[in-house]
Full PDB file with SEQRES, HELIX, SHEET, SSBOND, CRYST1, ORIGX, SCALE, CONECT and MASTER records, all heavy atoms in Angstrom:
SEQRES   1 A   36  ALA ARG THR GLY LEU GLN LEU MET GLU ARG THR ALA ARG          
SEQRES   2 A   36  HIS ALA LYS LEU VAL GLN GLU ALA GLU THR ALA VAL ARG          
SEQRES   3 A   36  LYS LYS ASP GLU ASP GLY ALA ARG SER ALA                      
HELIX    1 AA1 ARG A    2  ARG A   26  1                                  25    
HELIX    2 AA2 GLU A   30  SER A   35  1                                   6    
CRYST1    1.000    1.000    1.000  90.00  90.00  90.00 P 1           1          
ORIGX1      1.000000  0.000000  0.000000        0.00000                         
ORIGX2      0.000000  1.000000  0.000000        0.00000                         
ORIGX3      0.000000  0.000000  1.000000        0.00000                         
SCALE1      1.000000  0.000000  0.000000        0.00000                         
SCALE2      0.000000  1.000000  0.000000        0.00000                         
SCALE3      0.000000  0.000000  1.000000        0.00000                         
ATOM      1  N   ALA A   1     177.969  50.844  85.090  1.00  0.00           N  
ATOM      2  CA  ALA A   1     177.658  49.576  85.745  1.00  0.00           C  
ATOM      3  C   ALA A   1     176.670  49.785  86.894  1.00  0.00           C  
ATOM      4  O   ALA A   1     175.731  48.999  87.072  1.00  0.00           O  
ATOM      5  CB  ALA A   1     178.938  48.925  86.249  1.00  0.00           C  
ATOM      6  N   ARG A   2     176.888  50.842  87.689  1.00  0.00           N  
ATOM      7  CA  ARG A   2     175.959  51.109  88.783  1.00  0.00           C  
ATOM      8  C   ARG A   2     174.552  51.390  88.256  1.00  0.00           C  
ATOM      9  O   ARG A   2     173.559  50.880  88.775  1.00  0.00           O  
ATOM     10  CB  ARG A   2     176.451  52.295  89.613  1.00  0.00           C  
ATOM     11  CG  ARG A   2     177.662  51.986  90.474  1.00  0.00           C  
ATOM     12  CD  ARG A   2     178.045  53.193  91.322  1.00  0.00           C  
ATOM     13  NE  ARG A   2     179.143  52.886  92.201  1.00  0.00           N  
ATOM     14  CZ  ARG A   2     179.009  52.306  93.389  1.00  0.00           C  
ATOM     15  NH1 ARG A   2     177.801  51.989  93.816  1.00  0.00           N  
ATOM     16  NH2 ARG A   2     180.054  52.058  94.149  1.00  0.00           N  
ATOM     17  N   THR A   3     174.482  52.205  87.217  1.00  0.00           N  
ATOM     18  CA  THR A   3     173.172  52.516  86.631  1.00  0.00           C  
ATOM     19  C   THR A   3     172.532  51.263  86.045  1.00  0.00           C  
ATOM     20  O   THR A   3     171.314  51.065  86.148  1.00  0.00           O  
ATOM     21  CB  THR A   3     173.327  53.590  85.547  1.00  0.00           C  
ATOM     22  OG1 THR A   3     173.962  54.737  86.107  1.00  0.00           O  
ATOM     23  CG2 THR A   3     171.981  53.991  84.982  1.00  0.00           C  
ATOM     24  N   GLY A   4     173.339  50.401  85.403  1.00  0.00           N  
ATOM     25  CA  GLY A   4     172.800  49.170  84.838  1.00  0.00           C  
ATOM     26  C   GLY A   4     172.209  48.262  85.894  1.00  0.00           C  
ATOM     27  O   GLY A   4     171.110  47.701  85.712  1.00  0.00           O  
ATOM     28  N   LEU A   5     172.912  48.100  87.022  1.00  0.00           N  
ATOM     29  CA  LEU A   5     172.374  47.266  88.099  1.00  0.00           C  
ATOM     30  C   LEU A   5     171.103  47.877  88.684  1.00  0.00           C  
ATOM     31  O   LEU A   5     170.125  47.165  88.956  1.00  0.00           O  
ATOM     32  CB  LEU A   5     173.428  47.094  89.190  1.00  0.00           C  
ATOM     33  CG  LEU A   5     174.582  46.126  88.886  1.00  0.00           C  
ATOM     34  CD1 LEU A   5     175.594  46.145  90.010  1.00  0.00           C  
ATOM     35  CD2 LEU A   5     174.057  44.715  88.665  1.00  0.00           C  
ATOM     36  N   GLN A   6     171.109  49.203  88.870  1.00  0.00           N  
ATOM     37  CA  GLN A   6     169.905  49.852  89.384  1.00  0.00           C  
ATOM     38  C   GLN A   6     168.741  49.700  88.418  1.00  0.00           C  
ATOM     39  O   GLN A   6     167.595  49.485  88.834  1.00  0.00           O  
ATOM     40  CB  GLN A   6     170.194  51.326  89.648  1.00  0.00           C  
ATOM     41  CG  GLN A   6     171.183  51.573  90.769  1.00  0.00           C  
ATOM     42  CD  GLN A   6     171.569  53.040  90.888  1.00  0.00           C  
ATOM     43  OE1 GLN A   6     171.081  53.887  90.125  1.00  0.00           O  
ATOM     44  NE2 GLN A   6     172.444  53.356  91.839  1.00  0.00           N  
ATOM     45  N   LEU A   7     169.033  49.786  87.122  1.00  0.00           N  
ATOM     46  CA  LEU A   7     167.978  49.640  86.125  1.00  0.00           C  
ATOM     47  C   LEU A   7     167.416  48.222  86.132  1.00  0.00           C  
ATOM     48  O   LEU A   7     166.200  48.027  86.010  1.00  0.00           O  
ATOM     49  CB  LEU A   7     168.536  49.979  84.734  1.00  0.00           C  
ATOM     50  CG  LEU A   7     167.545  49.970  83.576  1.00  0.00           C  
ATOM     51  CD1 LEU A   7     166.451  50.994  83.804  1.00  0.00           C  
ATOM     52  CD2 LEU A   7     168.265  50.253  82.260  1.00  0.00           C  
ATOM     53  N   MET A   8     168.289  47.222  86.280  1.00  0.00           N  
ATOM     54  CA  MET A   8     167.810  45.842  86.333  1.00  0.00           C  
ATOM     55  C   MET A   8     166.971  45.597  87.579  1.00  0.00           C  
ATOM     56  O   MET A   8     165.924  44.940  87.523  1.00  0.00           O  
ATOM     57  CB  MET A   8     169.002  44.890  86.280  1.00  0.00           C  
ATOM     58  CG  MET A   8     169.750  44.906  84.959  1.00  0.00           C  
ATOM     59  SD  MET A   8     171.231  43.896  84.987  1.00  0.00           S  
ATOM     60  CE  MET A   8     170.517  42.305  85.339  1.00  0.00           C  
ATOM     61  N   GLU A   9     167.421  46.126  88.731  1.00  0.00           N  
ATOM     62  CA  GLU A   9     166.628  45.988  89.956  1.00  0.00           C  
ATOM     63  C   GLU A   9     165.289  46.702  89.824  1.00  0.00           C  
ATOM     64  O   GLU A   9     164.251  46.188  90.251  1.00  0.00           O  
ATOM     65  CB  GLU A   9     167.422  46.550  91.136  1.00  0.00           C  
ATOM     66  CG  GLU A   9     168.682  45.758  91.465  1.00  0.00           C  
ATOM     67  CD  GLU A   9     169.526  46.439  92.529  1.00  0.00           C  
ATOM     68  OE1 GLU A   9     169.119  47.536  92.960  1.00  0.00           O  
ATOM     69  OE2 GLU A   9     170.570  45.891  92.909  1.00  0.00           O  
ATOM     70  N   ARG A  10     165.328  47.878  89.202  1.00  0.00           N  
ATOM     71  CA  ARG A  10     164.077  48.619  89.025  1.00  0.00           C  
ATOM     72  C   ARG A  10     163.135  47.895  88.073  1.00  0.00           C  
ATOM     73  O   ARG A  10     161.922  47.851  88.286  1.00  0.00           O  
ATOM     74  CB  ARG A  10     164.389  50.025  88.486  1.00  0.00           C  
ATOM     75  CG  ARG A  10     163.200  50.960  88.499  1.00  0.00           C  
ATOM     76  CD  ARG A  10     163.555  52.292  87.894  1.00  0.00           C  
ATOM     77  NE  ARG A  10     163.760  52.185  86.459  1.00  0.00           N  
ATOM     78  CZ  ARG A  10     164.008  53.230  85.666  1.00  0.00           C  
ATOM     79  NH1 ARG A  10     164.107  54.436  86.187  1.00  0.00           N  
ATOM     80  NH2 ARG A  10     164.179  53.063  84.376  1.00  0.00           N  
ATOM     81  N   THR A  11     163.680  47.295  87.014  1.00  0.00           N  
ATOM     82  CA  THR A  11     162.846  46.556  86.068  1.00  0.00           C  
ATOM     83  C   THR A  11     162.165  45.381  86.745  1.00  0.00           C  
ATOM     84  O   THR A  11     160.971  45.122  86.526  1.00  0.00           O  
ATOM     85  CB  THR A  11     163.706  46.073  84.889  1.00  0.00           C  
ATOM     86  OG1 THR A  11     164.318  47.195  84.255  1.00  0.00           O  
ATOM     87  CG2 THR A  11     162.858  45.331  83.882  1.00  0.00           C  
ATOM     88  N   ALA A  12     162.924  44.638  87.567  1.00  0.00           N  
ATOM     89  CA  ALA A  12     162.326  43.510  88.279  1.00  0.00           C  
ATOM     90  C   ALA A  12     161.249  43.984  89.259  1.00  0.00           C  
ATOM     91  O   ALA A  12     160.172  43.370  89.380  1.00  0.00           O  
ATOM     92  CB  ALA A  12     163.411  42.737  89.009  1.00  0.00           C  
ATOM     93  N   ARG A  13     161.536  45.095  89.957  1.00  0.00           N  
ATOM     94  CA  ARG A  13     160.542  45.621  90.899  1.00  0.00           C  
ATOM     95  C   ARG A  13     159.302  46.120  90.179  1.00  0.00           C  
ATOM     96  O   ARG A  13     158.174  45.900  90.638  1.00  0.00           O  
ATOM     97  CB  ARG A  13     161.189  46.748  91.709  1.00  0.00           C  
ATOM     98  CG  ARG A  13     160.267  47.403  92.723  1.00  0.00           C  
ATOM     99  CD  ARG A  13     161.079  48.214  93.726  1.00  0.00           C  
ATOM    100  NE  ARG A  13     162.050  49.061  93.060  1.00  0.00           N  
ATOM    101  CZ  ARG A  13     161.776  50.277  92.595  1.00  0.00           C  
ATOM    102  NH1 ARG A  13     160.544  50.761  92.726  1.00  0.00           N  
ATOM    103  NH2 ARG A  13     162.715  51.002  92.025  1.00  0.00           N  
ATOM    104  N   HIS A  14     159.493  46.760  89.022  1.00  0.00           N  
ATOM    105  CA  HIS A  14     158.342  47.238  88.252  1.00  0.00           C  
ATOM    106  C   HIS A  14     157.504  46.077  87.727  1.00  0.00           C  
ATOM    107  O   HIS A  14     156.267  46.155  87.697  1.00  0.00           O  
ATOM    108  CB  HIS A  14     158.830  48.102  87.088  1.00  0.00           C  
ATOM    109  CG  HIS A  14     159.349  49.432  87.527  1.00  0.00           C  
ATOM    110  ND1 HIS A  14     159.906  50.339  86.656  1.00  0.00           N  
ATOM    111  CD2 HIS A  14     159.404  50.019  88.755  1.00  0.00           C  
ATOM    112  CE1 HIS A  14     160.275  51.422  87.325  1.00  0.00           C  
ATOM    113  NE2 HIS A  14     159.988  51.239  88.597  1.00  0.00           N  
ATOM    114  N   ALA A  15     158.166  45.003  87.292  1.00  0.00           N  
ATOM    115  CA  ALA A  15     157.415  43.838  86.813  1.00  0.00           C  
ATOM    116  C   ALA A  15     156.554  43.260  87.935  1.00  0.00           C  
ATOM    117  O   ALA A  15     155.401  42.850  87.708  1.00  0.00           O  
ATOM    118  CB  ALA A  15     158.382  42.785  86.281  1.00  0.00           C  
ATOM    119  N   LYS A  16     157.096  43.251  89.162  1.00  0.00           N  
ATOM    120  CA  LYS A  16     156.319  42.751  90.296  1.00  0.00           C  
ATOM    121  C   LYS A  16     155.140  43.666  90.599  1.00  0.00           C  
ATOM    122  O   LYS A  16     154.023  43.199  90.887  1.00  0.00           O  
ATOM    123  CB  LYS A  16     157.230  42.629  91.517  1.00  0.00           C  
ATOM    124  CG  LYS A  16     156.549  42.009  92.729  1.00  0.00           C  
ATOM    125  CD  LYS A  16     157.531  41.865  93.890  1.00  0.00           C  
ATOM    126  CE  LYS A  16     156.853  41.245  95.108  1.00  0.00           C  
ATOM    127  NZ  LYS A  16     157.793  41.113  96.253  1.00  0.00           N  
ATOM    128  N   LEU A  17     155.352  44.988  90.527  1.00  0.00           N  
ATOM    129  CA  LEU A  17     154.259  45.932  90.772  1.00  0.00           C  
ATOM    130  C   LEU A  17     153.171  45.825  89.714  1.00  0.00           C  
ATOM    131  O   LEU A  17     151.974  45.906  90.022  1.00  0.00           O  
ATOM    132  CB  LEU A  17     154.812  47.358  90.821  1.00  0.00           C  
ATOM    133  CG  LEU A  17     155.619  47.741  92.072  1.00  0.00           C  
ATOM    134  CD1 LEU A  17     156.244  49.108  91.897  1.00  0.00           C  
ATOM    135  CD2 LEU A  17     154.733  47.714  93.313  1.00  0.00           C  
ATOM    136  N   VAL A  18     153.573  45.646  88.447  1.00  0.00           N  
ATOM    137  CA  VAL A  18     152.576  45.487  87.385  1.00  0.00           C  
ATOM    138  C   VAL A  18     151.765  44.216  87.604  1.00  0.00           C  
ATOM    139  O   VAL A  18     150.543  44.182  87.398  1.00  0.00           O  
ATOM    140  CB  VAL A  18     153.268  45.472  86.006  1.00  0.00           C  
ATOM    141  CG1 VAL A  18     152.290  45.090  84.913  1.00  0.00           C  
ATOM    142  CG2 VAL A  18     153.866  46.841  85.700  1.00  0.00           C  
ATOM    143  N   GLN A  19     152.445  43.156  88.053  1.00  0.00           N  
ATOM    144  CA  GLN A  19     151.736  41.911  88.344  1.00  0.00           C  
ATOM    145  C   GLN A  19     150.747  42.126  89.486  1.00  0.00           C  
ATOM    146  O   GLN A  19     149.616  41.619  89.450  1.00  0.00           O  
ATOM    147  CB  GLN A  19     152.740  40.819  88.699  1.00  0.00           C  
ATOM    148  CG  GLN A  19     152.125  39.429  88.846  1.00  0.00           C  
ATOM    149  CD  GLN A  19     153.176  38.366  89.057  1.00  0.00           C  
ATOM    150  OE1 GLN A  19     154.357  38.657  89.100  1.00  0.00           O  
ATOM    151  NE2 GLN A  19     152.735  37.134  89.187  1.00  0.00           N  
ATOM    152  N   GLU A  20     151.154  42.876  90.520  1.00  0.00           N  
ATOM    153  CA  GLU A  20     150.227  43.182  91.608  1.00  0.00           C  
ATOM    154  C   GLU A  20     149.051  44.019  91.110  1.00  0.00           C  
ATOM    155  O   GLU A  20     147.911  43.828  91.566  1.00  0.00           O  
ATOM    156  CB  GLU A  20     150.974  43.923  92.718  1.00  0.00           C  
ATOM    157  CG  GLU A  20     152.019  43.082  93.432  1.00  0.00           C  
ATOM    158  CD  GLU A  20     152.799  43.890  94.459  1.00  0.00           C  
ATOM    159  OE1 GLU A  20     152.540  45.110  94.559  1.00  0.00           O  
ATOM    160  OE2 GLU A  20     153.662  43.306  95.153  1.00  0.00           O  
ATOM    161  N   ALA A  21     149.313  44.946  90.199  1.00  0.00           N  
ATOM    162  CA  ALA A  21     148.228  45.768  89.653  1.00  0.00           C  
ATOM    163  C   ALA A  21     147.240  44.917  88.866  1.00  0.00           C  
ATOM    164  O   ALA A  21     146.020  45.118  88.952  1.00  0.00           O  
ATOM    165  CB  ALA A  21     148.803  46.873  88.770  1.00  0.00           C  
ATOM    166  N   GLU A  22     147.744  43.962  88.101  1.00  0.00           N  
ATOM    167  CA  GLU A  22     146.839  43.092  87.346  1.00  0.00           C  
ATOM    168  C   GLU A  22     146.004  42.228  88.284  1.00  0.00           C  
ATOM    169  O   GLU A  22     144.817  41.995  88.041  1.00  0.00           O  
ATOM    170  CB  GLU A  22     147.652  42.219  86.396  1.00  0.00           C  
ATOM    171  CG  GLU A  22     148.296  43.002  85.267  1.00  0.00           C  
ATOM    172  CD  GLU A  22     149.148  42.119  84.385  1.00  0.00           C  
ATOM    173  OE1 GLU A  22     149.478  40.994  84.807  1.00  0.00           O  
ATOM    174  OE2 GLU A  22     149.482  42.560  83.277  1.00  0.00           O  
ATOM    175  N   THR A  23     146.621  41.771  89.376  1.00  0.00           N  
ATOM    176  CA  THR A  23     145.854  41.008  90.365  1.00  0.00           C  
ATOM    177  C   THR A  23     144.775  41.881  90.994  1.00  0.00           C  
ATOM    178  O   THR A  23     143.640  41.433  91.218  1.00  0.00           O  
ATOM    179  CB  THR A  23     146.802  40.465  91.450  1.00  0.00           C  
ATOM    180  OG1 THR A  23     147.815  39.675  90.836  1.00  0.00           O  
ATOM    181  CG2 THR A  23     146.048  39.617  92.454  1.00  0.00           C  
ATOM    182  N   ALA A  24     145.115  43.162  91.271  1.00  0.00           N  
ATOM    183  CA  ALA A  24     144.127  44.079  91.842  1.00  0.00           C  
ATOM    184  C   ALA A  24     142.978  44.338  90.877  1.00  0.00           C  
ATOM    185  O   ALA A  24     141.816  44.454  91.295  1.00  0.00           O  
ATOM    186  CB  ALA A  24     144.807  45.391  92.231  1.00  0.00           C  
ATOM    187  N   VAL A  25     143.273  44.423  89.582  1.00  0.00           N  
ATOM    188  CA  VAL A  25     142.211  44.633  88.593  1.00  0.00           C  
ATOM    189  C   VAL A  25     141.266  43.443  88.570  1.00  0.00           C  
ATOM    190  O   VAL A  25     140.030  43.596  88.498  1.00  0.00           O  
ATOM    191  CB  VAL A  25     142.825  44.885  87.205  1.00  0.00           C  
ATOM    192  CG1 VAL A  25     141.752  44.850  86.131  1.00  0.00           C  
ATOM    193  CG2 VAL A  25     143.520  46.237  87.180  1.00  0.00           C  
ATOM    194  N   ARG A  26     141.837  42.237  88.639  1.00  0.00           N  
ATOM    195  CA  ARG A  26     140.973  41.047  88.630  1.00  0.00           C  
ATOM    196  C   ARG A  26     140.097  40.981  89.876  1.00  0.00           C  
ATOM    197  O   ARG A  26     139.006  40.416  89.856  1.00  0.00           O  
ATOM    198  CB  ARG A  26     141.835  39.793  88.519  1.00  0.00           C  
ATOM    199  CG  ARG A  26     142.419  39.585  87.129  1.00  0.00           C  
ATOM    200  CD  ARG A  26     143.002  38.196  86.983  1.00  0.00           C  
ATOM    201  NE  ARG A  26     144.225  38.046  87.771  1.00  0.00           N  
ATOM    202  CZ  ARG A  26     145.439  38.273  87.291  1.00  0.00           C  
ATOM    203  NH1 ARG A  26     145.583  38.662  86.035  1.00  0.00           N  
ATOM    204  NH2 ARG A  26     146.506  38.108  88.056  1.00  0.00           N  
ATOM    205  N   LYS A  27     140.592  41.594  90.986  1.00  0.00           N  
ATOM    206  CA  LYS A  27     139.809  41.625  92.217  1.00  0.00           C  
ATOM    207  C   LYS A  27     138.903  42.856  92.297  1.00  0.00           C  
ATOM    208  O   LYS A  27     138.342  43.137  93.359  1.00  0.00           O  
ATOM    209  CB  LYS A  27     140.755  41.611  93.421  1.00  0.00           C  
ATOM    210  CG  LYS A  27     141.534  40.309  93.572  1.00  0.00           C  
ATOM    211  CD  LYS A  27     142.447  40.374  94.793  1.00  0.00           C  
ATOM    212  CE  LYS A  27     143.236  39.082  94.971  1.00  0.00           C  
ATOM    213  NZ  LYS A  27     144.139  39.153  96.155  1.00  0.00           N  
ATOM    214  N   LYS A  28     138.793  43.619  91.200  1.00  0.00           N  
ATOM    215  CA  LYS A  28     137.977  44.832  91.129  1.00  0.00           C  
ATOM    216  C   LYS A  28     138.486  45.929  92.059  1.00  0.00           C  
ATOM    217  O   LYS A  28     137.739  46.824  92.466  1.00  0.00           O  
ATOM    218  CB  LYS A  28     136.507  44.530  91.459  1.00  0.00           C  
ATOM    219  CG  LYS A  28     135.903  43.408  90.658  1.00  0.00           C  
ATOM    220  CD  LYS A  28     135.886  43.707  89.169  1.00  0.00           C  
ATOM    221  CE  LYS A  28     135.221  42.598  88.376  1.00  0.00           C  
ATOM    222  NZ  LYS A  28     135.263  42.854  86.917  1.00  0.00           N  
ATOM    223  N   ASP A  29     139.775  45.888  92.412  1.00  0.00           N  
ATOM    224  CA  ASP A  29     140.389  46.921  93.255  1.00  0.00           C  
ATOM    225  C   ASP A  29     141.106  47.916  92.350  1.00  0.00           C  
ATOM    226  O   ASP A  29     142.319  47.871  92.158  1.00  0.00           O  
ATOM    227  CB  ASP A  29     141.358  46.279  94.246  1.00  0.00           C  
ATOM    228  CG  ASP A  29     141.979  47.304  95.205  1.00  0.00           C  
ATOM    229  OD1 ASP A  29     141.494  48.454  95.226  1.00  0.00           O  
ATOM    230  OD2 ASP A  29     142.942  46.944  95.911  1.00  0.00           O  
ATOM    231  N   GLU A  30     140.333  48.848  91.786  1.00  0.00           N  
ATOM    232  CA  GLU A  30     140.905  49.793  90.830  1.00  0.00           C  
ATOM    233  C   GLU A  30     141.861  50.764  91.516  1.00  0.00           C  
ATOM    234  O   GLU A  30     142.910  51.113  90.953  1.00  0.00           O  
ATOM    235  CB  GLU A  30     139.789  50.564  90.132  1.00  0.00           C  
ATOM    236  CG  GLU A  30     140.287  51.518  89.062  1.00  0.00           C  
ATOM    237  CD  GLU A  30     139.159  52.210  88.328  1.00  0.00           C  
ATOM    238  OE1 GLU A  30     138.030  51.684  88.347  1.00  0.00           O  
ATOM    239  OE2 GLU A  30     139.417  53.277  87.754  1.00  0.00           O  
ATOM    240  N   ASP A  31     141.541  51.198  92.735  1.00  0.00           N  
ATOM    241  CA  ASP A  31     142.425  52.131  93.436  1.00  0.00           C  
ATOM    242  C   ASP A  31     143.786  51.498  93.717  1.00  0.00           C  
ATOM    243  O   ASP A  31     144.831  52.142  93.566  1.00  0.00           O  
ATOM    244  CB  ASP A  31     141.774  52.584  94.740  1.00  0.00           C  
ATOM    245  CG  ASP A  31     140.533  53.433  94.504  1.00  0.00           C  
ATOM    246  OD1 ASP A  31     140.448  54.031  93.409  1.00  0.00           O  
ATOM    247  OD2 ASP A  31     139.665  53.491  95.394  1.00  0.00           O  
ATOM    248  N   GLY A  32     143.798  50.238  94.145  1.00  0.00           N  
ATOM    249  CA  GLY A  32     145.062  49.557  94.389  1.00  0.00           C  
ATOM    250  C   GLY A  32     145.886  49.399  93.128  1.00  0.00           C  
ATOM    251  O   GLY A  32     147.112  49.551  93.139  1.00  0.00           O  
ATOM    252  N   ALA A  33     145.195  49.084  92.004  1.00  0.00           N  
ATOM    253  CA  ALA A  33     145.908  48.941  90.733  1.00  0.00           C  
ATOM    254  C   ALA A  33     146.504  50.267  90.293  1.00  0.00           C  
ATOM    255  O   ALA A  33     147.660  50.327  89.849  1.00  0.00           O  
ATOM    256  CB  ALA A  33     144.949  48.402  89.667  1.00  0.00           C  
ATOM    257  N   ARG A  34     145.748  51.341  90.433  1.00  0.00           N  
ATOM    258  CA  ARG A  34     146.263  52.653  90.019  1.00  0.00           C  
ATOM    259  C   ARG A  34     147.435  53.087  90.907  1.00  0.00           C  
ATOM    260  O   ARG A  34     148.390  53.716  90.431  1.00  0.00           O  
ATOM    261  CB  ARG A  34     145.151  53.695  90.063  1.00  0.00           C  
ATOM    262  CG  ARG A  34     144.124  53.556  88.948  1.00  0.00           C  
ATOM    263  CD  ARG A  34     143.079  54.650  89.020  1.00  0.00           C  
ATOM    264  NE  ARG A  34     142.124  54.555  87.940  1.00  0.00           N  
ATOM    265  CZ  ARG A  34     142.291  55.102  86.738  1.00  0.00           C  
ATOM    266  NH1 ARG A  34     143.392  55.805  86.495  1.00  0.00           N  
ATOM    267  NH2 ARG A  34     141.385  54.987  85.795  1.00  0.00           N  
ATOM    268  N   SER A  35     147.386  52.775  92.193  1.00  0.00           N  
ATOM    269  CA  SER A  35     148.480  53.143  93.089  1.00  0.00           C  
ATOM    270  C   SER A  35     149.772  52.440  92.677  1.00  0.00           C  
ATOM    271  O   SER A  35     150.844  53.065  92.622  1.00  0.00           O  
ATOM    272  CB  SER A  35     148.113  52.770  94.524  1.00  0.00           C  
ATOM    273  OG  SER A  35     149.190  53.049  95.397  1.00  0.00           O  
ATOM    274  N   ALA A  36     149.687  51.137  92.355  1.00  0.00           N  
ATOM    275  CA  ALA A  36     150.881  50.409  91.919  1.00  0.00           C  
ATOM    276  C   ALA A  36     151.393  50.933  90.584  1.00  0.00           C  
ATOM    277  O   ALA A  36     152.606  51.085  90.376  1.00  0.00           O  
ATOM    278  CB  ALA A  36     150.570  48.914  91.830  1.00  0.00           C  
TER     279      ALA A  36                                                      
MASTER        0    0    0    2    0    0    0    6  278    1    0    3          
END                                                                             
């Protein structure tokens, strides 16, 4: 159960980071996208 909750929190956080990376790509910020 602990691992499942951590995995769900991590999945949500990763989805947010991927969204930030896509926004950085659209802004031509390749370094920011790669960091995320």
